[in-house]
Amino acid sequence: MKITASLIWTPNPETMCCLVLATTAEVWMKQQWKHIFEPFYTDQRDRKGTGLGLAMVYGVVKNHDGHIICHSKPGEGTTFMIHFRL
């Protein structure tokens, strides 16, 4: 599994920055998409995860007037774009 991160400044009237996190890890299935930001949701069959990671990120981003865009495609992995106002 490979993880990459980058920070992008977006020039617009309401200055924002975008943190892009990408991984080659396994992607989510279509039926899982509506649950990925729910607390305690996990797709890990071995139950190593608590399901709190993405829920916590979502809460922090929303509390700072930001938003998250997620893209996941088989063979390409998953990319999260987290936009924050500055």
PDB file of N, CA and C in Angstrom:
ATOM      1  N   MET A   1       0.849  -1.175   0.000  1.00  0.00           N
ATOM      2  CA  MET A   1       0.000   0.000   0.000  1.00  0.00           C
ATOM      3  C   MET A   1       0.891   1.233   0.000  1.00  0.00           C
ATOM      4  N   LYS A   2       0.578   2.183  -0.843  1.00  0.00           N
ATOM      5  CA  LYS A   2       1.308   3.439  -0.949  1.00  0.00           C
ATOM      6  C   LYS A   2       0.379   4.590  -0.583  1.00  0.00           C
ATOM      7  N   ILE A   3       0.870   5.530   0.207  1.00  0.00           N
ATOM      8  CA  ILE A   3       0.094   6.701   0.596  1.00  0.00           C
ATOM      9  C   ILE A   3       0.873   7.945   0.190  1.00  0.00           C
ATOM     10  N   THR A   4       0.212   8.884  -0.459  1.00  0.00           N
ATOM     11  CA  THR A   4       0.837  10.147  -0.825  1.00  0.00           C
ATOM     12  C   THR A   4      -0.003  11.296  -0.285  1.00  0.00           C
ATOM     13  N   ALA A   5       0.641  12.424  -0.041  1.00  0.00           N
ATOM     14  CA  ALA A   5      -0.069  13.606   0.459  1.00  0.00           C
ATOM     15  C   ALA A   5       0.490  14.843  -0.224  1.00  0.00           C
ATOM     16  N   SER A   6      -0.362  15.815  -0.483  1.00  0.00           N
ATOM     17  CA  SER A   6       0.070  17.088  -1.037  1.00  0.00           C
ATOM     18  C   SER A   6      -0.848  18.191  -0.527  1.00  0.00           C
ATOM     19  N   LEU A   7      -0.326  19.404  -0.517  1.00  0.00           N
ATOM     20  CA  LEU A   7      -1.081  20.569  -0.070  1.00  0.00           C
ATOM     21  C   LEU A   7      -1.194  21.529  -1.243  1.00  0.00           C
ATOM     22  N   ILE A   8      -2.407  21.944  -1.573  1.00  0.00           N
ATOM     23  CA  ILE A   8      -2.660  22.803  -2.724  1.00  0.00           C
ATOM     24  C   ILE A   8      -3.363  24.070  -2.254  1.00  0.00           C
ATOM     25  N   TRP A   9      -2.854  25.234  -2.677  1.00  0.00           N
ATOM     26  CA  TRP A   9      -3.513  26.506  -2.380  1.00  0.00           C
ATOM     27  C   TRP A   9      -4.415  26.849  -3.543  1.00  0.00           C
ATOM     28  N   THR A  10      -5.677  27.123  -3.288  1.00  0.00           N
ATOM     29  CA  THR A  10      -6.617  27.440  -4.356  1.00  0.00           C
ATOM     30  C   THR A  10      -6.911  28.937  -4.358  1.00  0.00           C
ATOM     31  N   PRO A  11      -6.565  29.626  -5.434  1.00  0.00           N
ATOM     32  CA  PRO A  11      -6.817  31.068  -5.493  1.00  0.00           C
ATOM     33  C   PRO A  11      -8.287  31.352  -5.809  1.00  0.00           C
ATOM     34  N   ASN A  12      -8.992  31.879  -4.855  1.00  0.00           N
ATOM     35  CA  ASN A  12     -10.378  32.299  -5.055  1.00  0.00           C
ATOM     36  C   ASN A  12     -10.699  33.382  -4.030  1.00  0.00           C
ATOM     37  N   PRO A  13     -11.843  34.046  -4.150  1.00  0.00           N
ATOM     38  CA  PRO A  13     -12.171  35.129  -3.214  1.00  0.00           C
ATOM     39  C   PRO A  13     -12.142  34.702  -1.754  1.00  0.00           C
ATOM     40  N   GLU A  14     -12.530  33.494  -1.468  1.00  0.00           N
ATOM     41  CA  GLU A  14     -12.478  32.972  -0.107  1.00  0.00           C
ATOM     42  C   GLU A  14     -11.325  31.976  -0.068  1.00  0.00           C
ATOM     43  N   THR A  15     -10.133  32.469   0.206  1.00  0.00           N
ATOM     44  CA  THR A  15      -8.931  31.657   0.115  1.00  0.00           C
ATOM     45  C   THR A  15      -9.087  30.336   0.856  1.00  0.00           C
ATOM     46  N   MET A  16      -8.765  29.272   0.147  1.00  0.00           N
ATOM     47  CA  MET A  16      -8.853  27.934   0.709  1.00  0.00           C
ATOM     48  C   MET A  16      -7.569  27.180   0.415  1.00  0.00           C
ATOM     49  N   CYS A  17      -7.325  26.154   1.195  1.00  0.00           N
ATOM     50  CA  CYS A  17      -6.259  25.222   0.873  1.00  0.00           C
ATOM     51  C   CYS A  17      -6.885  23.833   0.780  1.00  0.00           C
ATOM     52  N   CYS A  18      -6.230  22.977   0.048  1.00  0.00           N
ATOM     53  CA  CYS A  18      -6.746  21.631  -0.162  1.00  0.00           C
ATOM     54  C   CYS A  18      -5.652  20.634   0.185  1.00  0.00           C
ATOM     55  N   LEU A  19      -5.941  19.773   1.120  1.00  0.00           N
ATOM     56  CA  LEU A  19      -5.039  18.687   1.479  1.00  0.00           C
ATOM     57  C   LEU A  19      -5.509  17.458   0.727  1.00  0.00           C
ATOM     58  N   VAL A  20      -4.633  16.888  -0.093  1.00  0.00           N
ATOM     59  CA  VAL A  20      -4.984  15.722  -0.899  1.00  0.00           C
ATOM     60  C   VAL A  20      -4.241  14.513  -0.351  1.00  0.00           C
ATOM     61  N   LEU A  21      -4.989  13.487   0.032  1.00  0.00           N
ATOM     62  CA  LEU A  21      -4.422  12.236   0.516  1.00  0.00           C
ATOM     63  C   LEU A  21      -4.863  11.125  -0.424  1.00  0.00           C
ATOM     64  N   ALA A  22      -3.906  10.371  -0.940  1.00  0.00           N
ATOM     65  CA  ALA A  22      -4.221   9.290  -1.874  1.00  0.00           C
ATOM     66  C   ALA A  22      -3.560   8.001  -1.407  1.00  0.00           C
ATOM     67  N   THR A  23      -4.250   6.891  -1.614  1.00  0.00           N
ATOM     68  CA  THR A  23      -3.726   5.595  -1.242  1.00  0.00           C
ATOM     69  C   THR A  23      -4.055   4.571  -2.314  1.00  0.00           C
ATOM     70  N   THR A  24      -3.227   3.569  -2.408  1.00  0.00           N
ATOM     71  CA  THR A  24      -3.487   2.476  -3.349  1.00  0.00           C
ATOM     72  C   THR A  24      -4.222   1.330  -2.662  1.00  0.00           C
ATOM     73  N   ALA A  25      -4.670   1.572  -1.445  1.00  0.00           N
ATOM     74  CA  ALA A  25      -5.363   0.539  -0.672  1.00  0.00           C
ATOM     75  C   ALA A  25      -6.666   0.130  -1.352  1.00  0.00           C
ATOM     76  N   GLU A  26      -7.219  -0.948  -0.875  1.00  0.00           N
ATOM     77  CA  GLU A  26      -8.480  -1.471  -1.406  1.00  0.00           C
ATOM     78  C   GLU A  26      -9.563  -0.400  -1.377  1.00  0.00           C
ATOM     79  N   VAL A  27     -10.387  -0.382  -2.407  1.00  0.00           N
ATOM     80  CA  VAL A  27     -11.449   0.625  -2.511  1.00  0.00           C
ATOM     81  C   VAL A  27     -12.733   0.124  -1.862  1.00  0.00           C
ATOM     82  N   TRP A  28     -13.655   1.051  -1.592  1.00  0.00           N
ATOM     83  CA  TRP A  28     -14.936   0.701  -1.008  1.00  0.00           C
ATOM     84  C   TRP A  28     -15.908   0.274  -2.089  1.00  0.00           C
ATOM     85  N   MET A  29     -16.806  -0.588  -1.723  1.00  0.00           N
ATOM     86  CA  MET A  29     -17.862  -1.015  -2.630  1.00  0.00           C
ATOM     87  C   MET A  29     -18.967   0.047  -2.635  1.00  0.00           C
ATOM     88  N   LYS A  30     -19.779   0.054  -3.670  1.00  0.00           N
ATOM     89  CA  LYS A  30     -20.816   1.074  -3.835  1.00  0.00           C
ATOM     90  C   LYS A  30     -21.747   1.172  -2.624  1.00  0.00           C
ATOM     91  N   GLN A  31     -22.140   0.049  -2.050  1.00  0.00           N
ATOM     92  CA  GLN A  31     -23.072   0.070  -0.922  1.00  0.00           C
ATOM     93  C   GLN A  31     -22.432   0.616   0.360  1.00  0.00           C
ATOM     94  N   GLN A  32     -21.115   0.717   0.408  1.00  0.00           N
ATOM     95  CA  GLN A  32     -20.432   1.225   1.593  1.00  0.00           C
ATOM     96  C   GLN A  32     -20.315   2.748   1.603  1.00  0.00           C
ATOM     97  N   TRP A  33     -20.431   3.393   0.442  1.00  0.00           N
ATOM     98  CA  TRP A  33     -20.203   4.824   0.338  1.00  0.00           C
ATOM     99  C   TRP A  33     -21.045   5.658   1.289  1.00  0.00           C
ATOM    100  N   LYS A  34     -22.304   5.307   1.464  1.00  0.00           N
ATOM    101  CA  LYS A  34     -23.170   6.143   2.303  1.00  0.00           C
ATOM    102  C   LYS A  34     -22.828   6.032   3.784  1.00  0.00           C
ATOM    103  N   HIS A  35     -21.945   5.122   4.147  1.00  0.00           N
ATOM    104  CA  HIS A  35     -21.616   4.895   5.555  1.00  0.00           C
ATOM    105  C   HIS A  35     -20.203   5.324   5.965  1.00  0.00           C
ATOM    106  N   ILE A  36     -19.338   5.697   5.030  1.00  0.00           N
ATOM    107  CA  ILE A  36     -17.918   5.835   5.375  1.00  0.00           C
ATOM    108  C   ILE A  36     -17.616   6.897   6.438  1.00  0.00           C
ATOM    109  N   PHE A  37     -18.460   7.913   6.592  1.00  0.00           N
ATOM    110  CA  PHE A  37     -18.218   8.938   7.611  1.00  0.00           C
ATOM    111  C   PHE A  37     -19.041   8.724   8.876  1.00  0.00           C
ATOM    112  N   GLU A  38     -19.759   7.610   8.974  1.00  0.00           N
ATOM    113  CA  GLU A  38     -20.547   7.311  10.170  1.00  0.00           C
ATOM    114  C   GLU A  38     -19.649   6.772  11.285  1.00  0.00           C
ATOM    115  N   PRO A  39     -19.861   7.240  12.526  1.00  0.00           N
ATOM    116  CA  PRO A  39     -19.085   6.704  13.652  1.00  0.00           C
ATOM    117  C   PRO A  39     -19.292   5.205  13.792  1.00  0.00           C
ATOM    118  N   PHE A  40     -18.220   4.518  14.074  1.00  0.00           N
ATOM    119  CA  PHE A  40     -18.185   3.079  14.333  1.00  0.00           C
ATOM    120  C   PHE A  40     -18.440   2.217  13.097  1.00  0.00           C
ATOM    121  N   TYR A  41     -18.489   2.826  11.905  1.00  0.00           N
ATOM    122  CA  TYR A  41     -18.610   2.013  10.695  1.00  0.00           C
ATOM    123  C   TYR A  41     -17.222   1.528  10.292  1.00  0.00           C
ATOM    124  N   THR A  42     -17.076   0.253  10.063  1.00  0.00           N
ATOM    125  CA  THR A  42     -15.826  -0.311   9.579  1.00  0.00           C
ATOM    126  C   THR A  42     -16.118  -1.444   8.611  1.00  0.00           C
ATOM    127  N   ASP A  43     -15.260  -1.586   7.620  1.00  0.00           N
ATOM    128  CA  ASP A  43     -15.397  -2.695   6.682  1.00  0.00           C
ATOM    129  C   ASP A  43     -14.328  -3.757   6.937  1.00  0.00           C
ATOM    130  N   GLN A  44     -13.614  -3.597   8.027  1.00  0.00           N
ATOM    131  CA  GLN A  44     -12.537  -4.535   8.352  1.00  0.00           C
ATOM    132  C   GLN A  44     -13.113  -5.771   9.018  1.00  0.00           C
ATOM    133  N   ARG A  45     -13.019  -6.874   8.328  1.00  0.00           N
ATOM    134  CA  ARG A  45     -13.599  -8.120   8.831  1.00  0.00           C
ATOM    135  C   ARG A  45     -12.894  -8.624  10.083  1.00  0.00           C
ATOM    136  N   ASP A  46     -11.609  -8.302  10.222  1.00  0.00           N
ATOM    137  CA  ASP A  46     -10.861  -8.778  11.392  1.00  0.00           C
ATOM    138  C   ASP A  46     -11.073  -7.877  12.607  1.00  0.00           C
ATOM    139  N   ARG A  47     -11.863  -6.794  12.447  1.00  0.00           N
ATOM    140  CA  ARG A  47     -12.248  -5.866  13.518  1.00  0.00           C
ATOM    141  C   ARG A  47     -11.057  -5.179  14.179  1.00  0.00           C
ATOM    142  N   LYS A  48     -10.010  -4.911  13.419  1.00  0.00           N
ATOM    143  CA  LYS A  48      -8.880  -4.167  13.969  1.00  0.00           C
ATOM    144  C   LYS A  48      -9.202  -2.677  14.075  1.00  0.00           C
ATOM    145  N   GLY A  49     -10.096  -2.195  13.223  1.00  0.00           N
ATOM    146  CA  GLY A  49     -10.444  -0.781  13.246  1.00  0.00           C
ATOM    147  C   GLY A  49     -11.649  -0.523  14.128  1.00  0.00           C
ATOM    148  N   THR A  50     -11.732   0.711  14.623  1.00  0.00           N
ATOM    149  CA  THR A  50     -12.873   1.090  15.467  1.00  0.00           C
ATOM    150  C   THR A  50     -13.971   1.769  14.661  1.00  0.00           C
ATOM    151  N   GLY A  51     -13.626   2.252  13.461  1.00  0.00           N
ATOM    152  CA  GLY A  51     -14.611   2.963  12.651  1.00  0.00           C
ATOM    153  C   GLY A  51     -14.764   4.419  13.056  1.00  0.00           C
ATOM    154  N   LEU A  52     -13.807   4.947  13.806  1.00  0.00           N
ATOM    155  CA  LEU A  52     -13.895   6.341  14.249  1.00  0.00           C
ATOM    156  C   LEU A  52     -13.023   7.297  13.438  1.00  0.00           C
ATOM    157  N   GLY A  53     -12.072   6.783  12.685  1.00  0.00           N
ATOM    158  CA  GLY A  53     -11.108   7.633  11.979  1.00  0.00           C
ATOM    159  C   GLY A  53     -11.752   8.636  11.042  1.00  0.00           C
ATOM    160  N   LEU A  54     -12.509   8.172  10.061  1.00  0.00           N
ATOM    161  CA  LEU A  54     -13.119   9.087   9.100  1.00  0.00           C
ATOM    162  C   LEU A  54     -14.215   9.938   9.734  1.00  0.00           C
ATOM    163  N   ALA A  55     -14.909   9.404  10.722  1.00  0.00           N
ATOM    164  CA  ALA A  55     -15.927  10.193  11.421  1.00  0.00           C
ATOM    165  C   ALA A  55     -15.282  11.370  12.147  1.00  0.00           C
ATOM    166  N   MET A  56     -14.128  11.151  12.750  1.00  0.00           N
ATOM    167  CA  MET A  56     -13.427  12.233  13.452  1.00  0.00           C
ATOM    168  C   MET A  56     -12.910  13.269  12.460  1.00  0.00           C
ATOM    169  N   VAL A  57     -12.334  12.821  11.348  1.00  0.00           N
ATOM    170  CA  VAL A  57     -11.854  13.750  10.325  1.00  0.00           C
ATOM    171  C   VAL A  57     -13.013  14.592   9.801  1.00  0.00           C
ATOM    172  N   TYR A  58     -14.133  13.957   9.510  1.00  0.00           N
ATOM    173  CA  TYR A  58     -15.312  14.668   9.015  1.00  0.00           C
ATOM    174  C   TYR A  58     -15.757  15.745  10.006  1.00  0.00           C
ATOM    175  N   GLY A  59     -15.797  15.409  11.290  1.00  0.00           N
ATOM    176  CA  GLY A  59     -16.203  16.370  12.310  1.00  0.00           C
ATOM    177  C   GLY A  59     -15.276  17.562  12.396  1.00  0.00           C
ATOM    178  N   VAL A  60     -13.984  17.321  12.368  1.00  0.00           N
ATOM    179  CA  VAL A  60     -12.993  18.408  12.440  1.00  0.00           C
ATOM    180  C   VAL A  60     -13.114  19.312  11.213  1.00  0.00           C
ATOM    181  N   VAL A  61     -13.209  18.710  10.044  1.00  0.00           N
ATOM    182  CA  VAL A  61     -13.308  19.490   8.808  1.00  0.00           C
ATOM    183  C   VAL A  61     -14.577  20.342   8.810  1.00  0.00           C
ATOM    184  N   LYS A  62     -15.717  19.775   9.169  1.00  0.00           N
ATOM    185  CA  LYS A  62     -16.980  20.528   9.210  1.00  0.00           C
ATOM    186  C   LYS A  62     -16.937  21.645  10.253  1.00  0.00           C
ATOM    187  N   ASN A  63     -16.313  21.391  11.407  1.00  0.00           N
ATOM    188  CA  ASN A  63     -16.207  22.422  12.449  1.00  0.00           C
ATOM    189  C   ASN A  63     -15.330  23.589  12.023  1.00  0.00           C
ATOM    190  N   HIS A  64     -14.505  23.392  11.010  1.00  0.00           N
ATOM    191  CA  HIS A  64     -13.641  24.452  10.490  1.00  0.00           C
ATOM    192  C   HIS A  64     -14.139  24.965   9.137  1.00  0.00           C
ATOM    193  N   ASP A  65     -15.432  24.800   8.886  1.00  0.00           N
ATOM    194  CA  ASP A  65     -16.082  25.316   7.684  1.00  0.00           C
ATOM    195  C   ASP A  65     -15.458  24.773   6.398  1.00  0.00           C
ATOM    196  N   GLY A  66     -15.075  23.512   6.417  1.00  0.00           N
ATOM    197  CA  GLY A  66     -14.475  22.892   5.244  1.00  0.00           C
ATOM    198  C   GLY A  66     -15.357  21.791   4.697  1.00  0.00           C
ATOM    199  N   HIS A  67     -14.843  21.093   3.697  1.00  0.00           N
ATOM    200  CA  HIS A  67     -15.572  19.963   3.140  1.00  0.00           C
ATOM    201  C   HIS A  67     -14.597  18.912   2.616  1.00  0.00           C
ATOM    202  N   ILE A  68     -15.110  17.703   2.435  1.00  0.00           N
ATOM    203  CA  ILE A  68     -14.305  16.569   1.987  1.00  0.00           C
ATOM    204  C   ILE A  68     -14.909  16.011   0.707  1.00  0.00           C
ATOM    205  N   ILE A  69     -14.041  15.740  -0.256  1.00  0.00           N
ATOM    206  CA  ILE A  69     -14.438  15.049  -1.474  1.00  0.00           C
ATOM    207  C   ILE A  69     -13.647  13.748  -1.507  1.00  0.00           C
ATOM    208  N   CYS A  70     -14.324  12.656  -1.773  1.00  0.00           N
ATOM    209  CA  CYS A  70     -13.684  11.346  -1.795  1.00  0.00           C
ATOM    210  C   CYS A  70     -13.945  10.676  -3.141  1.00  0.00           C
ATOM    211  N   HIS A  71     -12.889  10.114  -3.720  1.00  0.00           N
ATOM    212  CA  HIS A  71     -13.014   9.391  -4.984  1.00  0.00           C
ATOM    213  C   HIS A  71     -12.321   8.046  -4.823  1.00  0.00           C
ATOM    214  N   SER A  72     -12.991   6.980  -5.221  1.00  0.00           N
ATOM    215  CA  SER A  72     -12.437   5.642  -5.088  1.00  0.00           C
ATOM    216  C   SER A  72     -12.790   4.831  -6.322  1.00  0.00           C
ATOM    217  N   LYS A  73     -11.765   4.178  -6.903  1.00  0.00           N
ATOM    218  CA  LYS A  73     -12.000   3.413  -8.119  1.00  0.00           C
ATOM    219  C   LYS A  73     -11.098   2.179  -8.111  1.00  0.00           C
ATOM    220  N   PRO A  74     -11.671   1.013  -8.428  1.00  0.00           N
ATOM    221  CA  PRO A  74     -10.859  -0.207  -8.462  1.00  0.00           C
ATOM    222  C   PRO A  74      -9.649  -0.048  -9.384  1.00  0.00           C
ATOM    223  N   GLY A  75      -8.508  -0.491  -8.913  1.00  0.00           N
ATOM    224  CA  GLY A  75      -7.276  -0.380  -9.681  1.00  0.00           C
ATOM    225  C   GLY A  75      -6.553   0.941  -9.517  1.00  0.00           C
ATOM    226  N   GLU A  76      -7.235   1.952  -8.966  1.00  0.00           N
ATOM    227  CA  GLU A  76      -6.641   3.275  -8.775  1.00  0.00           C
ATOM    228  C   GLU A  76      -6.496   3.643  -7.307  1.00  0.00           C
ATOM    229  N   GLY A  77      -7.267   3.019  -6.433  1.00  0.00           N
ATOM    230  CA  GLY A  77      -7.210   3.339  -5.014  1.00  0.00           C
ATOM    231  C   GLY A  77      -8.211   4.411  -4.642  1.00  0.00           C
ATOM    232  N   THR A  78      -7.935   5.112  -3.539  1.00  0.00           N
ATOM    233  CA  THR A  78      -8.853   6.105  -2.992  1.00  0.00           C
ATOM    234  C   THR A  78      -8.134   7.431  -2.774  1.00  0.00           C
ATOM    235  N   THR A  79      -8.804   8.521  -3.104  1.00  0.00           N
ATOM    236  CA  THR A  79      -8.256   9.866  -2.901  1.00  0.00           C
ATOM    237  C   THR A  79      -9.254  10.690  -2.095  1.00  0.00           C
ATOM    238  N   PHE A  80      -8.748  11.350  -1.053  1.00  0.00           N
ATOM    239  CA  PHE A  80      -9.541  12.285  -0.257  1.00  0.00           C
ATOM    240  C   PHE A  80      -8.997  13.689  -0.496  1.00  0.00           C
ATOM    241  N   MET A  81      -9.879  14.630  -0.831  1.00  0.00           N
ATOM    242  CA  MET A  81      -9.519  16.040  -0.963  1.00  0.00           C
ATOM    243  C   MET A  81     -10.226  16.788   0.154  1.00  0.00           C
ATOM    244  N   ILE A  82      -9.453  17.356   1.054  1.00  0.00           N
ATOM    245  CA  ILE A  82     -10.002  18.058   2.209  1.00  0.00           C
ATOM    246  C   ILE A  82      -9.756  19.546   2.028  1.00  0.00           C
ATOM    247  N   HIS A  83     -10.844  20.323   1.912  1.00  0.00           N
ATOM    248  CA  HIS A  83     -10.768  21.763   1.662  1.00  0.00           C
ATOM    249  C   HIS A  83     -11.033  22.527   2.955  1.00  0.00           C
ATOM    250  N   PHE A  84     -10.122  23.464   3.280  1.00  0.00           N
ATOM    251  CA  PHE A  84     -10.250  24.318   4.464  1.00  0.00           C
ATOM    252  C   PHE A  84     -10.216  25.776   4.060  1.00  0.00           C
ATOM    253  N   ARG A  85     -11.046  26.596   4.709  1.00  0.00           N
ATOM    254  CA  ARG A  85     -10.954  28.053   4.556  1.00  0.00           C
ATOM    255  C   ARG A  85      -9.791  28.556   5.398  1.00  0.00           C
ATOM    256  N   LEU A  86      -9.115  29.560   4.896  1.00  0.00           N
ATOM    257  CA  LEU A  86      -7.991  30.148   5.638  1.00  0.00           C
ATOM    258  C   LEU A  86      -8.362  31.469   6.241  1.00  0.00           C
TER     259      LEU A  86
END
